[in-house]
Amino acid sequence: MSSKLLFFVLVTFSLSFSMISEAQWKDLKVAYKTAQTTSDLRVKFNLAMAYASTGFLQEGFNELASINKIDPSFAKKILGQTTEELEVASGDWKANFNHAFALYFNDKKEESKEYFYKVVSLSPESSAKGWALGYVAYIHGEKKDWKKGLQIIEEAIRYEPDGVALFLAKGYGQQQVGDYFGLTGTLVKVGSMQASSVFNKYSIDNLKNDK
């Protein structure tokens, strides 16, 4: 099975809810509402990054795909912008997160890992640390380095124990290395997380229906 299936697992089957802090939720709502009032692609990119750093993976990648459809040259433009922003805000975790993604989407994946790791050291939010490590694990999965990817996913889950997509990625890695006993336990965990999600107020539906 190709690494594209790993992407499919991470994005398509991740549920549209997340266990994030109230401060993160407020920031996400501001980013969403702002993006609804403008056609500025940078604002839409900022929304995609807000989604990506809080575990709303499908929404984040959908937003990036829509940006690319509008302006296929945006990836190169945003890399230039994030590079300049880091020159004046190297200690800002969000600036590092944005730059990591800009590098990734310009096919500079190995370089992007350095900045995802900086997010882990700089962010005060455990959730953001977990998702940053999740993207590093995904890069290893693309190279079929399953053992290393699983090690990183375990660390990511310690930071973000409510990240359904992280557990799904863990399960996929376990399948690839033949750990079917571990995979069974992981899928049981995912099932229980799905069941509890109905009580979570931090959902995409609530975000988009909030007046």
Protein backbone atom coordinates (compact mmCIF):
# COMPACT_ATOMS: atom_id res chain seq x y z
CA MET A 1 0.00 0.00 0.00
CA SER A 2 1.37 3.43 -0.94
CA SER A 3 2.18 6.36 1.30
CA LYS A 4 -0.78 8.11 -0.32
CA LEU A 5 -3.01 5.75 1.64
CA LEU A 6 -1.39 7.00 4.83
CA PHE A 7 -2.41 10.50 3.81
CA PHE A 8 -5.92 9.18 3.16
CA VAL A 9 -6.03 7.65 6.63
CA LEU A 10 -4.78 10.81 8.31
CA VAL A 11 -7.10 13.16 6.51
CA THR A 12 -10.28 11.39 5.44
CA PHE A 13 -10.91 9.34 8.55
CA SER A 14 -9.95 11.96 11.12
CA LEU A 15 -13.12 13.16 12.81
CA SER A 16 -14.09 16.81 12.75
CA PHE A 17 -13.64 17.38 16.45
CA SER A 18 -10.68 18.10 18.68
CA MET A 19 -9.89 18.35 22.37
CA ILE A 20 -8.26 21.78 22.41
CA SER A 21 -8.03 24.60 24.92
CA GLU A 22 -10.59 27.38 25.14
CA ALA A 23 -7.90 29.84 23.96
CA GLN A 24 -7.19 27.73 20.86
CA TRP A 25 -10.92 27.49 20.15
CA LYS A 26 -11.29 31.27 20.34
CA ASP A 27 -8.32 31.77 18.01
CA LEU A 28 -9.78 29.26 15.55
CA LYS A 29 -13.15 31.03 15.57
CA VAL A 30 -11.47 34.37 14.82
CA ALA A 31 -9.48 32.82 11.96
CA TYR A 32 -12.62 31.20 10.52
CA LYS A 33 -14.78 34.32 10.72
CA THR A 34 -12.03 36.49 9.24
CA ALA A 35 -11.60 34.12 6.30
CA GLN A 36 -15.31 34.33 5.50
CA THR A 37 -15.08 38.08 4.91
CA THR A 38 -12.18 38.25 2.46
CA SER A 39 -10.74 36.68 -0.68
CA ASP A 40 -7.17 37.25 0.59
CA LEU A 41 -5.36 33.93 0.14
CA ARG A 42 -2.97 34.63 3.00
CA VAL A 43 -5.94 34.91 5.34
CA LYS A 44 -7.20 31.57 4.04
CA PHE A 45 -3.74 30.08 4.55
CA ASN A 46 -3.81 31.32 8.14
CA LEU A 47 -7.12 29.51 8.61
CA ALA A 48 -5.62 26.33 7.16
CA MET A 49 -2.77 26.60 9.67
CA ALA A 50 -5.22 27.16 12.51
CA TYR A 51 -7.03 23.98 11.47
CA ALA A 52 -3.77 22.03 11.10
CA SER A 53 -2.41 23.01 14.51
CA THR A 54 -5.60 22.01 16.32
CA GLY A 55 -6.20 18.63 14.70
CA PHE A 56 -8.86 19.52 12.13
CA LEU A 57 -6.79 17.88 9.42
CA GLN A 58 -9.38 17.39 6.72
CA GLU A 59 -10.54 20.99 6.95
CA GLY A 60 -6.96 22.24 6.85
CA PHE A 61 -5.98 20.27 3.77
CA ASN A 62 -9.27 21.18 2.07
CA GLU A 63 -8.48 24.85 2.63
CA LEU A 64 -4.98 24.44 1.19
CA ALA A 65 -6.36 22.60 -1.83
CA SER A 66 -8.80 25.42 -2.51
CA ILE A 67 -5.99 27.97 -2.29
CA ASN A 68 -3.88 26.00 -4.77
CA LYS A 69 -6.83 25.79 -7.16
CA ILE A 70 -7.23 29.59 -7.08
CA ASP A 71 -3.50 30.32 -7.38
CA PRO A 72 -1.15 27.42 -8.23
CA SER A 73 1.85 29.67 -7.57
CA PHE A 74 0.79 30.42 -4.00
CA ALA A 75 3.06 27.75 -2.50
CA LYS A 76 6.17 29.59 -3.65
CA LYS A 77 4.77 32.93 -2.55
CA ILE A 78 3.93 31.75 0.95
CA LEU A 79 7.39 30.24 1.42
CA GLY A 80 8.91 33.65 0.74
CA GLN A 81 6.52 35.27 3.20
CA THR A 82 7.11 32.78 6.01
CA THR A 83 10.87 33.03 5.53
CA GLU A 84 10.69 36.80 6.02
CA GLU A 85 8.40 36.43 9.04
CA LEU A 86 10.81 34.05 10.74
CA GLU A 87 13.59 36.60 10.44
CA VAL A 88 11.72 38.86 12.86
CA ALA A 89 9.82 36.24 14.89
CA SER A 90 12.06 33.18 15.15
CA GLY A 91 10.77 32.44 18.65
CA ASP A 92 7.10 32.44 17.65
CA TRP A 93 5.78 28.88 17.42
CA LYS A 94 3.06 29.82 14.92
CA ALA A 95 5.62 31.40 12.60
CA ASN A 96 7.65 28.18 12.75
CA PHE A 97 4.54 26.06 12.15
CA ASN A 98 3.58 28.13 9.11
CA HIS A 99 7.10 27.94 7.73
CA ALA A 100 7.22 24.17 8.24
CA PHE A 101 4.07 23.76 6.16
CA ALA A 102 5.29 26.18 3.51
CA LEU A 103 8.47 24.11 3.17
CA TYR A 104 6.51 20.86 3.03
CA PHE A 105 4.26 22.05 0.23
CA ASN A 106 7.29 23.20 -1.71
CA ASP A 107 8.61 19.62 -1.49
CA LYS A 108 11.25 20.57 1.10
CA LYS A 109 10.06 17.91 3.50
CA GLU A 110 13.29 17.16 5.32
CA GLU A 111 13.81 20.86 5.96
CA SER A 112 10.27 21.17 7.28
CA LYS A 113 10.96 18.70 10.10
CA GLU A 114 13.37 21.14 11.75
CA TYR A 115 10.61 23.72 12.09
CA PHE A 116 7.98 21.26 13.25
CA TYR A 117 10.40 20.30 16.03
CA LYS A 118 10.79 23.98 16.88
CA VAL A 119 7.04 24.13 17.38
CA VAL A 120 7.37 21.39 19.97
CA SER A 121 9.98 23.37 21.90
CA LEU A 122 8.22 26.74 21.58
CA SER A 123 4.47 26.16 21.77
CA PRO A 124 2.71 26.46 25.14
CA GLU A 125 -0.10 24.27 23.77
CA SER A 126 0.33 20.51 24.16
CA SER A 127 -2.10 19.93 21.30
CA ALA A 128 0.02 21.95 18.86
CA LYS A 129 3.11 20.01 19.94
CA GLY A 130 1.33 16.73 19.26
CA TRP A 131 0.15 17.69 15.79
CA ALA A 132 3.56 19.07 14.84
CA LEU A 133 5.08 15.70 15.73
CA GLY A 134 2.29 13.97 13.84
CA TYR A 135 3.37 15.73 10.64
CA VAL A 136 6.98 14.70 11.25
CA ALA A 137 5.79 11.10 11.64
CA TYR A 138 3.86 11.42 8.38
CA ILE A 139 7.06 12.47 6.58
CA HIS A 140 8.76 9.31 7.86
CA GLY A 141 5.74 7.29 6.73
CA GLU A 142 6.09 8.68 3.23
CA LYS A 143 9.59 7.17 3.19
CA LYS A 144 8.22 3.90 4.64
CA ASP A 145 10.34 4.42 7.73
CA TRP A 146 7.61 2.89 9.84
CA LYS A 147 9.67 2.17 12.94
CA LYS A 148 10.81 5.76 13.34
CA GLY A 149 7.36 7.03 12.41
CA LEU A 150 5.76 4.93 15.13
CA GLN A 151 8.23 6.19 17.71
CA ILE A 152 7.34 9.77 16.84
CA ILE A 153 3.60 9.04 16.81
CA GLU A 154 3.87 7.65 20.35
CA GLU A 155 5.49 10.90 21.44
CA ALA A 156 2.83 12.90 19.59
CA ILE A 157 0.07 11.01 21.41
CA ARG A 158 1.65 11.81 24.76
CA TYR A 159 1.17 15.48 23.93
CA GLU A 160 -2.22 15.04 22.24
CA PRO A 161 -3.92 11.95 23.71
CA ASP A 162 -7.24 12.93 22.13
CA GLY A 163 -5.94 13.08 18.55
CA VAL A 164 -7.99 10.51 16.64
CA ALA A 165 -5.93 10.92 13.47
CA LEU A 166 -2.75 10.25 15.44
CA PHE A 167 -4.17 6.93 16.64
CA LEU A 168 -5.28 6.08 13.11
CA ALA A 169 -1.76 6.79 11.85
CA LYS A 170 -0.38 4.64 14.67
CA GLY A 171 -2.68 1.82 13.63
CA TYR A 172 -1.58 2.08 10.02
CA GLY A 173 2.07 1.95 11.08
CA GLN A 174 1.38 -1.07 13.28
CA GLN A 175 -0.20 -2.80 10.32
CA GLN A 176 2.85 -2.08 8.19
CA VAL A 177 5.25 -3.63 10.73
CA GLY A 178 2.97 -6.61 11.39
CA ASP A 179 1.96 -5.64 14.93
CA TYR A 180 -1.61 -6.88 14.64
CA PHE A 181 -2.06 -7.29 18.40
CA GLY A 182 -1.13 -3.64 18.89
CA LEU A 183 -3.34 -2.65 15.96
CA THR A 184 -6.37 -4.27 17.60
CA GLY A 185 -5.84 -2.25 20.76
CA THR A 186 -5.43 0.93 18.78
CA LEU A 187 -8.66 0.39 16.84
CA VAL A 188 -10.55 -0.26 20.09
CA LYS A 189 -9.22 3.05 21.39
CA VAL A 190 -10.31 4.86 18.21
CA GLY A 191 -13.81 3.37 18.56
CA SER A 192 -14.16 4.69 22.09
CA MET A 193 -12.95 8.12 21.01
CA GLN A 194 -15.51 8.21 18.22
CA ALA A 195 -18.27 7.39 20.68
CA SER A 196 -17.25 10.17 23.07
CA SER A 197 -16.94 12.79 20.32
CA VAL A 198 -20.69 13.48 20.32
CA PHE A 199 -20.25 15.35 23.62
CA ASN A 200 -17.42 17.55 22.38
CA LYS A 201 -18.29 21.21 21.80
CA TYR A 202 -15.10 21.83 19.81
CA SER A 203 -16.40 20.54 16.49
CA ILE A 204 -16.39 21.82 12.92
CA ASP A 205 -20.19 21.94 12.92
CA ASN A 206 -20.18 24.17 15.98
CA LEU A 207 -17.45 26.33 14.50
CA LYS A 208 -19.32 26.93 11.27
CA ASN A 209 -22.73 27.36 12.87
CA ASP A 210 -21.59 29.74 15.63
CA LYS A 211 -23.14 33.16 15.15
